[in-house]
Amino acid sequence: AILPSGFSIIPDGLESRPMVITSRQQEKNTDGGSLFTVAFQILTNSSPTAKLTMESVDSVNSLVSCTLRHIRTSLNCEDG
């Protein structure tokens, strides 16, 4: 099955903050904020009575961690 996944980064909604995302250190504004939303749909087992296995949980955890790491790297975000 092909299941949609995705993410979005939007301003935090406070009008007093700028709506610009930049990776240049000199242009970063500590007052600005963003909301990051990520969505995954993962089919681990098609049976409605199936129980999650530890392997499934590890696989999903790895997928989420790797995806977030790639997004942070592409946006040049600092760790923290």
PDB file of N, CA and C in Angstrom:
ATOM      1  N   ALA A   1       0.843  -1.197   0.000  1.00  0.00           N
ATOM      2  CA  ALA A   1       0.000   0.000   0.000  1.00  0.00           C
ATOM      3  C   ALA A   1       0.877   1.245   0.000  1.00  0.00           C
ATOM      4  N   ILE A   2       0.457   2.246  -0.749  1.00  0.00           N
ATOM      5  CA  ILE A   2       1.152   3.529  -0.755  1.00  0.00           C
ATOM      6  C   ILE A   2       0.400   4.442   0.206  1.00  0.00           C
ATOM      7  N   LEU A   3       1.093   4.874   1.228  1.00  0.00           N
ATOM      8  CA  LEU A   3       0.484   5.714   2.257  1.00  0.00           C
ATOM      9  C   LEU A   3       1.164   7.074   2.263  1.00  0.00           C
ATOM     10  N   PRO A   4       0.404   8.156   2.282  1.00  0.00           N
ATOM     11  CA  PRO A   4       1.010   9.489   2.259  1.00  0.00           C
ATOM     12  C   PRO A   4       1.686   9.836   3.583  1.00  0.00           C
ATOM     13  N   SER A   5       2.783  10.530   3.482  1.00  0.00           N
ATOM     14  CA  SER A   5       3.500  11.061   4.636  1.00  0.00           C
ATOM     15  C   SER A   5       3.945  12.466   4.270  1.00  0.00           C
ATOM     16  N   GLY A   6       4.250  13.276   5.262  1.00  0.00           N
ATOM     17  CA  GLY A   6       4.713  14.619   4.948  1.00  0.00           C
ATOM     18  C   GLY A   6       5.016  15.428   6.178  1.00  0.00           C
ATOM     19  N   PHE A   7       5.476  16.643   5.952  1.00  0.00           N
ATOM     20  CA  PHE A   7       5.731  17.558   7.058  1.00  0.00           C
ATOM     21  C   PHE A   7       5.432  18.978   6.600  1.00  0.00           C
ATOM     22  N   SER A   8       5.223  19.841   7.576  1.00  0.00           N
ATOM     23  CA  SER A   8       5.037  21.259   7.271  1.00  0.00           C
ATOM     24  C   SER A   8       5.706  22.092   8.353  1.00  0.00           C
ATOM     25  N   ILE A   9       6.185  23.246   7.940  1.00  0.00           N
ATOM     26  CA  ILE A   9       6.765  24.216   8.861  1.00  0.00           C
ATOM     27  C   ILE A   9       6.032  25.520   8.602  1.00  0.00           C
ATOM     28  N   ILE A  10       5.365  26.016   9.636  1.00  0.00           N
ATOM     29  CA  ILE A  10       4.576  27.239   9.486  1.00  0.00           C
ATOM     30  C   ILE A  10       4.921  28.211  10.610  1.00  0.00           C
ATOM     31  N   PRO A  11       4.652  29.501  10.435  1.00  0.00           N
ATOM     32  CA  PRO A  11       4.884  30.476  11.504  1.00  0.00           C
ATOM     33  C   PRO A  11       4.044  30.124  12.727  1.00  0.00           C
ATOM     34  N   ASP A  12       4.518  30.522  13.888  1.00  0.00           N
ATOM     35  CA  ASP A  12       3.817  30.172  15.123  1.00  0.00           C
ATOM     36  C   ASP A  12       2.552  30.981  15.361  1.00  0.00           C
ATOM     37  N   GLY A  13       2.233  31.924  14.477  1.00  0.00           N
ATOM     38  CA  GLY A  13       0.972  32.639  14.573  1.00  0.00           C
ATOM     39  C   GLY A  13       1.034  33.961  15.298  1.00  0.00           C
ATOM     40  N   LEU A  14       2.166  34.293  15.872  1.00  0.00           N
ATOM     41  CA  LEU A  14       2.283  35.583  16.548  1.00  0.00           C
ATOM     42  C   LEU A  14       2.651  36.643  15.522  1.00  0.00           C
ATOM     43  N   GLU A  15       1.800  37.632  15.347  1.00  0.00           N
ATOM     44  CA  GLU A  15       1.993  38.639  14.306  1.00  0.00           C
ATOM     45  C   GLU A  15       3.212  39.515  14.528  1.00  0.00           C
ATOM     46  N   SER A  16       3.678  39.626  15.756  1.00  0.00           N
ATOM     47  CA  SER A  16       4.827  40.488  16.033  1.00  0.00           C
ATOM     48  C   SER A  16       6.137  39.832  15.609  1.00  0.00           C
ATOM     49  N   ARG A  17       6.089  38.578  15.226  1.00  0.00           N
ATOM     50  CA  ARG A  17       7.308  37.877  14.829  1.00  0.00           C
ATOM     51  C   ARG A  17       7.397  37.802  13.306  1.00  0.00           C
ATOM     52  N   PRO A  18       8.612  37.861  12.776  1.00  0.00           N
ATOM     53  CA  PRO A  18       8.766  37.790  11.321  1.00  0.00           C
ATOM     54  C   PRO A  18       8.411  36.406  10.794  1.00  0.00           C
ATOM     55  N   MET A  19       7.906  36.360   9.532  1.00  0.00           N
ATOM     56  CA  MET A  19       7.519  35.092   8.929  1.00  0.00           C
ATOM     57  C   MET A  19       8.570  34.622   7.934  1.00  0.00           C
ATOM     58  N   VAL A  20       9.845  34.706   8.326  1.00  0.00           N
ATOM     59  CA  VAL A  20      10.939  34.336   7.440  1.00  0.00           C
ATOM     60  C   VAL A  20      11.750  33.237   8.100  1.00  0.00           C
ATOM     61  N   ILE A  21      12.036  32.192   7.334  1.00  0.00           N
ATOM     62  CA  ILE A  21      12.914  31.127   7.803  1.00  0.00           C
ATOM     63  C   ILE A  21      14.217  31.276   7.034  1.00  0.00           C
ATOM     64  N   THR A  22      15.313  31.381   7.729  1.00  0.00           N
ATOM     65  CA  THR A  22      16.606  31.544   7.075  1.00  0.00           C
ATOM     66  C   THR A  22      17.636  30.664   7.754  1.00  0.00           C
ATOM     67  N   SER A  23      18.636  30.261   7.004  1.00  0.00           N
ATOM     68  CA  SER A  23      19.701  29.447   7.574  1.00  0.00           C
ATOM     69  C   SER A  23      20.949  30.281   7.837  1.00  0.00           C
ATOM     70  N   ARG A  24      20.918  31.553   7.446  1.00  0.00           N
ATOM     71  CA  ARG A  24      22.078  32.413   7.684  1.00  0.00           C
ATOM     72  C   ARG A  24      22.067  32.884   9.127  1.00  0.00           C
ATOM     73  N   GLN A  25      23.187  32.624   9.818  1.00  0.00           N
ATOM     74  CA  GLN A  25      23.284  32.912  11.257  1.00  0.00           C
ATOM     75  C   GLN A  25      23.013  34.380  11.562  1.00  0.00           C
ATOM     76  N   GLN A  26      23.531  35.304  10.745  1.00  0.00           N
ATOM     77  CA  GLN A  26      23.370  36.726  11.036  1.00  0.00           C
ATOM     78  C   GLN A  26      21.938  37.202  10.870  1.00  0.00           C
ATOM     79  N   GLU A  27      21.106  36.439  10.132  1.00  0.00           N
ATOM     80  CA  GLU A  27      19.725  36.849   9.919  1.00  0.00           C
ATOM     81  C   GLU A  27      18.746  36.151  10.852  1.00  0.00           C
ATOM     82  N   LYS A  28      19.241  35.248  11.676  1.00  0.00           N
ATOM     83  CA  LYS A  28      18.336  34.537  12.580  1.00  0.00           C
ATOM     84  C   LYS A  28      17.855  35.488  13.665  1.00  0.00           C
ATOM     85  N   ASN A  29      16.575  35.436  13.938  1.00  0.00           N
ATOM     86  CA  ASN A  29      15.970  36.301  14.936  1.00  0.00           C
ATOM     87  C   ASN A  29      15.470  35.410  16.068  1.00  0.00           C
ATOM     88  N   THR A  30      15.925  35.655  17.284  1.00  0.00           N
ATOM     89  CA  THR A  30      15.534  34.806  18.406  1.00  0.00           C
ATOM     90  C   THR A  30      14.085  35.010  18.802  1.00  0.00           C
ATOM     91  N   ASP A  31      13.439  36.074  18.315  1.00  0.00           N
ATOM     92  CA  ASP A  31      12.044  36.312  18.640  1.00  0.00           C
ATOM     93  C   ASP A  31      11.087  35.477  17.790  1.00  0.00           C
ATOM     94  N   GLY A  32      11.539  35.038  16.607  1.00  0.00           N
ATOM     95  CA  GLY A  32      10.671  34.297  15.688  1.00  0.00           C
ATOM     96  C   GLY A  32      10.490  32.867  16.126  1.00  0.00           C
ATOM     97  N   GLY A  33       9.410  32.261  15.714  1.00  0.00           N
ATOM     98  CA  GLY A  33       9.155  30.871  16.040  1.00  0.00           C
ATOM     99  C   GLY A  33       8.394  30.183  14.932  1.00  0.00           C
ATOM    100  N   SER A  34       8.474  28.874  14.920  1.00  0.00           N
ATOM    101  CA  SER A  34       7.790  28.079  13.916  1.00  0.00           C
ATOM    102  C   SER A  34       7.175  26.858  14.559  1.00  0.00           C
ATOM    103  N   LEU A  35       6.139  26.347  13.910  1.00  0.00           N
ATOM    104  CA  LEU A  35       5.527  25.090  14.322  1.00  0.00           C
ATOM    105  C   LEU A  35       5.899  24.043  13.297  1.00  0.00           C
ATOM    106  N   PHE A  36       6.400  22.927  13.769  1.00  0.00           N
ATOM    107  CA  PHE A  36       6.813  21.842  12.888  1.00  0.00           C
ATOM    108  C   PHE A  36       5.866  20.671  13.107  1.00  0.00           C
ATOM    109  N   THR A  37       5.253  20.208  12.032  1.00  0.00           N
ATOM    110  CA  THR A  37       4.320  19.087  12.112  1.00  0.00           C
ATOM    111  C   THR A  37       4.777  18.023  11.129  1.00  0.00           C
ATOM    112  N   VAL A  38       4.837  16.797  11.592  1.00  0.00           N
ATOM    113  CA  VAL A  38       5.207  15.685  10.717  1.00  0.00           C
ATOM    114  C   VAL A  38       4.135  14.608  10.833  1.00  0.00           C
ATOM    115  N   ALA A  39       3.813  13.973   9.709  1.00  0.00           N
ATOM    116  CA  ALA A  39       2.779  12.941   9.706  1.00  0.00           C
ATOM    117  C   ALA A  39       3.280  11.713   8.959  1.00  0.00           C
ATOM    118  N   PHE A  40       3.034  10.563   9.526  1.00  0.00           N
ATOM    119  CA  PHE A  40       3.390   9.295   8.910  1.00  0.00           C
ATOM    120  C   PHE A  40       2.172   8.383   8.933  1.00  0.00           C
ATOM    121  N   GLN A  41       2.002   7.629   7.894  1.00  0.00           N
ATOM    122  CA  GLN A  41       1.025   6.535   7.886  1.00  0.00           C
ATOM    123  C   GLN A  41       1.816   5.289   7.528  1.00  0.00           C
ATOM    124  N   ILE A  42       1.879   4.363   8.450  1.00  0.00           N
ATOM    125  CA  ILE A  42       2.715   3.182   8.269  1.00  0.00           C
ATOM    126  C   ILE A  42       1.869   1.940   8.472  1.00  0.00           C
ATOM    127  N   LEU A  43       1.859   1.077   7.478  1.00  0.00           N
ATOM    128  CA  LEU A  43       1.142  -0.187   7.573  1.00  0.00           C
ATOM    129  C   LEU A  43       2.123  -1.248   8.055  1.00  0.00           C
ATOM    130  N   THR A  44       1.965  -1.673   9.297  1.00  0.00           N
ATOM    131  CA  THR A  44       2.871  -2.682   9.837  1.00  0.00           C
ATOM    132  C   THR A  44       2.314  -4.084   9.684  1.00  0.00           C
ATOM    133  N   ASN A  45       0.990  -4.220   9.768  1.00  0.00           N
ATOM    134  CA  ASN A  45       0.351  -5.517   9.600  1.00  0.00           C
ATOM    135  C   ASN A  45      -1.106  -5.267   9.224  1.00  0.00           C
ATOM    136  N   SER A  46      -1.566  -5.948   8.188  1.00  0.00           N
ATOM    137  CA  SER A  46      -2.917  -5.677   7.707  1.00  0.00           C
ATOM    138  C   SER A  46      -4.016  -6.329   8.548  1.00  0.00           C
ATOM    139  N   SER A  47      -3.664  -7.215   9.441  1.00  0.00           N
ATOM    140  CA  SER A  47      -4.655  -7.879  10.274  1.00  0.00           C
ATOM    141  C   SER A  47      -5.115  -6.950  11.399  1.00  0.00           C
ATOM    142  N   PRO A  48      -6.426  -6.754  11.579  1.00  0.00           N
ATOM    143  CA  PRO A  48      -6.903  -5.846  12.633  1.00  0.00           C
ATOM    144  C   PRO A  48      -6.634  -6.365  14.048  1.00  0.00           C
ATOM    145  N   THR A  49      -6.363  -7.637  14.207  1.00  0.00           N
ATOM    146  CA  THR A  49      -6.117  -8.183  15.546  1.00  0.00           C
ATOM    147  C   THR A  49      -4.625  -8.345  15.831  1.00  0.00           C
ATOM    148  N   ALA A  50      -3.777  -7.964  14.915  1.00  0.00           N
ATOM    149  CA  ALA A  50      -2.331  -8.134  15.095  1.00  0.00           C
ATOM    150  C   ALA A  50      -1.820  -7.210  16.197  1.00  0.00           C
ATOM    151  N   LYS A  51      -0.838  -7.683  16.913  1.00  0.00           N
ATOM    152  CA  LYS A  51      -0.187  -6.884  17.950  1.00  0.00           C
ATOM    153  C   LYS A  51       1.136  -6.355  17.406  1.00  0.00           C
ATOM    154  N   LEU A  52       1.523  -5.179  17.878  1.00  0.00           N
ATOM    155  CA  LEU A  52       2.797  -4.612  17.456  1.00  0.00           C
ATOM    156  C   LEU A  52       3.949  -5.432  18.019  1.00  0.00           C
ATOM    157  N   THR A  53       4.934  -5.664  17.177  1.00  0.00           N
ATOM    158  CA  THR A  53       6.140  -6.348  17.642  1.00  0.00           C
ATOM    159  C   THR A  53       7.198  -5.303  17.960  1.00  0.00           C
ATOM    160  N   MET A  54       8.195  -5.709  18.702  1.00  0.00           N
ATOM    161  CA  MET A  54       9.297  -4.810  19.031  1.00  0.00           C
ATOM    162  C   MET A  54      10.041  -4.405  17.757  1.00  0.00           C
ATOM    163  N   GLU A  55      10.114  -5.305  16.788  1.00  0.00           N
ATOM    164  CA  GLU A  55      10.765  -4.986  15.513  1.00  0.00           C
ATOM    165  C   GLU A  55      10.020  -3.876  14.783  1.00  0.00           C
ATOM    166  N   SER A  56       8.684  -3.924  14.803  1.00  0.00           N
ATOM    167  CA  SER A  56       7.881  -2.880  14.170  1.00  0.00           C
ATOM    168  C   SER A  56       8.103  -1.538  14.847  1.00  0.00           C
ATOM    169  N   VAL A  57       8.116  -1.536  16.160  1.00  0.00           N
ATOM    170  CA  VAL A  57       8.326  -0.302  16.914  1.00  0.00           C
ATOM    171  C   VAL A  57       9.713   0.266  16.615  1.00  0.00           C
ATOM    172  N   ASP A  58      10.728  -0.593  16.597  1.00  0.00           N
ATOM    173  CA  ASP A  58      12.087  -0.146  16.284  1.00  0.00           C
ATOM    174  C   ASP A  58      12.183   0.411  14.867  1.00  0.00           C
ATOM    175  N   SER A  59      11.506  -0.232  13.933  1.00  0.00           N
ATOM    176  CA  SER A  59      11.518   0.212  12.545  1.00  0.00           C
ATOM    177  C   SER A  59      10.876   1.588  12.402  1.00  0.00           C
ATOM    178  N   VAL A  60       9.738   1.784  13.040  1.00  0.00           N
ATOM    179  CA  VAL A  60       9.048   3.078  12.986  1.00  0.00           C
ATOM    180  C   VAL A  60       9.895   4.148  13.679  1.00  0.00           C
ATOM    181  N   ASN A  61      10.466   3.820  14.819  1.00  0.00           N
ATOM    182  CA  ASN A  61      11.317   4.765  15.544  1.00  0.00           C
ATOM    183  C   ASN A  61      12.504   5.184  14.680  1.00  0.00           C
ATOM    184  N   SER A  62      13.100   4.237  13.996  1.00  0.00           N
ATOM    185  CA  SER A  62      14.227   4.527  13.119  1.00  0.00           C
ATOM    186  C   SER A  62      13.802   5.422  11.957  1.00  0.00           C
ATOM    187  N   LEU A  63      12.656   5.142  11.366  1.00  0.00           N
ATOM    188  CA  LEU A  63      12.143   5.940  10.258  1.00  0.00           C
ATOM    189  C   LEU A  63      11.889   7.381  10.681  1.00  0.00           C
ATOM    190  N   VAL A  64      11.245   7.573  11.813  1.00  0.00           N
ATOM    191  CA  VAL A  64      10.942   8.918  12.308  1.00  0.00           C
ATOM    192  C   VAL A  64      12.231   9.665  12.640  1.00  0.00           C
ATOM    193  N   SER A  65      13.140   9.025  13.343  1.00  0.00           N
ATOM    194  CA  SER A  65      14.406   9.664  13.724  1.00  0.00           C
ATOM    195  C   SER A  65      15.222  10.065  12.502  1.00  0.00           C
ATOM    196  N   CYS A  66      15.312   9.180  11.535  1.00  0.00           N
ATOM    197  CA  CYS A  66      16.072   9.455  10.317  1.00  0.00           C
ATOM    198  C   CYS A  66      15.441  10.600   9.526  1.00  0.00           C
ATOM    199  N   THR A  67      14.125  10.599   9.418  1.00  0.00           N
ATOM    200  CA  THR A  67      13.431  11.663   8.694  1.00  0.00           C
ATOM    201  C   THR A  67      13.655  13.009   9.368  1.00  0.00           C
ATOM    202  N   LEU A  68      13.513  13.066  10.684  1.00  0.00           N
ATOM    203  CA  LEU A  68      13.715  14.325  11.406  1.00  0.00           C
ATOM    204  C   LEU A  68      15.162  14.796  11.270  1.00  0.00           C
ATOM    205  N   ARG A  69      16.105  13.885  11.327  1.00  0.00           N
ATOM    206  CA  ARG A  69      17.526  14.230  11.172  1.00  0.00           C
ATOM    207  C   ARG A  69      17.774  14.842   9.784  1.00  0.00           C
ATOM    208  N   HIS A  70      17.181  14.243   8.743  1.00  0.00           N
ATOM    209  CA  HIS A  70      17.359  14.765   7.388  1.00  0.00           C
ATOM    210  C   HIS A  70      16.719  16.149   7.225  1.00  0.00           C
ATOM    211  N   ILE A  71      15.570  16.356   7.829  1.00  0.00           N
ATOM    212  CA  ILE A  71      14.910  17.661   7.754  1.00  0.00           C
ATOM    213  C   ILE A  71      15.751  18.714   8.462  1.00  0.00           C
ATOM    214  N   ARG A  72      16.239  18.385   9.662  1.00  0.00           N
ATOM    215  CA  ARG A  72      17.073  19.329  10.415  1.00  0.00           C
ATOM    216  C   ARG A  72      18.350  19.660   9.646  1.00  0.00           C
ATOM    217  N   THR A  73      18.955  18.651   9.031  1.00  0.00           N
ATOM    218  CA  THR A  73      20.178  18.869   8.263  1.00  0.00           C
ATOM    219  C   THR A  73      19.918  19.760   7.054  1.00  0.00           C
ATOM    220  N   SER A  74      18.810  19.499   6.350  1.00  0.00           N
ATOM    221  CA  SER A  74      18.509  20.294   5.156  1.00  0.00           C
ATOM    222  C   SER A  74      18.178  21.744   5.492  1.00  0.00           C
ATOM    223  N   LEU A  75      17.657  21.996   6.692  1.00  0.00           N
ATOM    224  CA  LEU A  75      17.341  23.353   7.113  1.00  0.00           C
ATOM    225  C   LEU A  75      18.476  24.014   7.880  1.00  0.00           C
ATOM    226  N   ASN A  76      19.597  23.284   8.016  1.00  0.00           N
ATOM    227  CA  ASN A  76      20.773  23.791   8.717  1.00  0.00           C
ATOM    228  C   ASN A  76      20.439  24.221  10.152  1.00  0.00           C
ATOM    229  N   CYS A  77      19.683  23.379  10.858  1.00  0.00           N
ATOM    230  CA  CYS A  77      19.295  23.662  12.240  1.00  0.00           C
ATOM    231  C   CYS A  77      20.374  23.169  13.195  1.00  0.00           C
ATOM    232  N   GLU A  78      20.521  23.871  14.296  1.00  0.00           N
ATOM    233  CA  GLU A  78      21.475  23.463  15.319  1.00  0.00           C
ATOM    234  C   GLU A  78      20.867  22.349  16.164  1.00  0.00           C
ATOM    235  N   ASP A  79      21.741  21.573  16.808  1.00  0.00           N
ATOM    236  CA  ASP A  79      21.253  20.582  17.772  1.00  0.00           C
ATOM    237  C   ASP A  79      20.801  21.303  19.014  1.00  0.00           C
ATOM    238  N   GLY A  80      19.784  20.733  19.674  1.00  0.00           N
ATOM    239  CA  GLY A  80      19.389  21.343  20.927  1.00  0.00           C
ATOM    240  C   GLY A  80      17.940  21.282  21.195  1.00  0.00           C
TER     241      GLY A  80
END
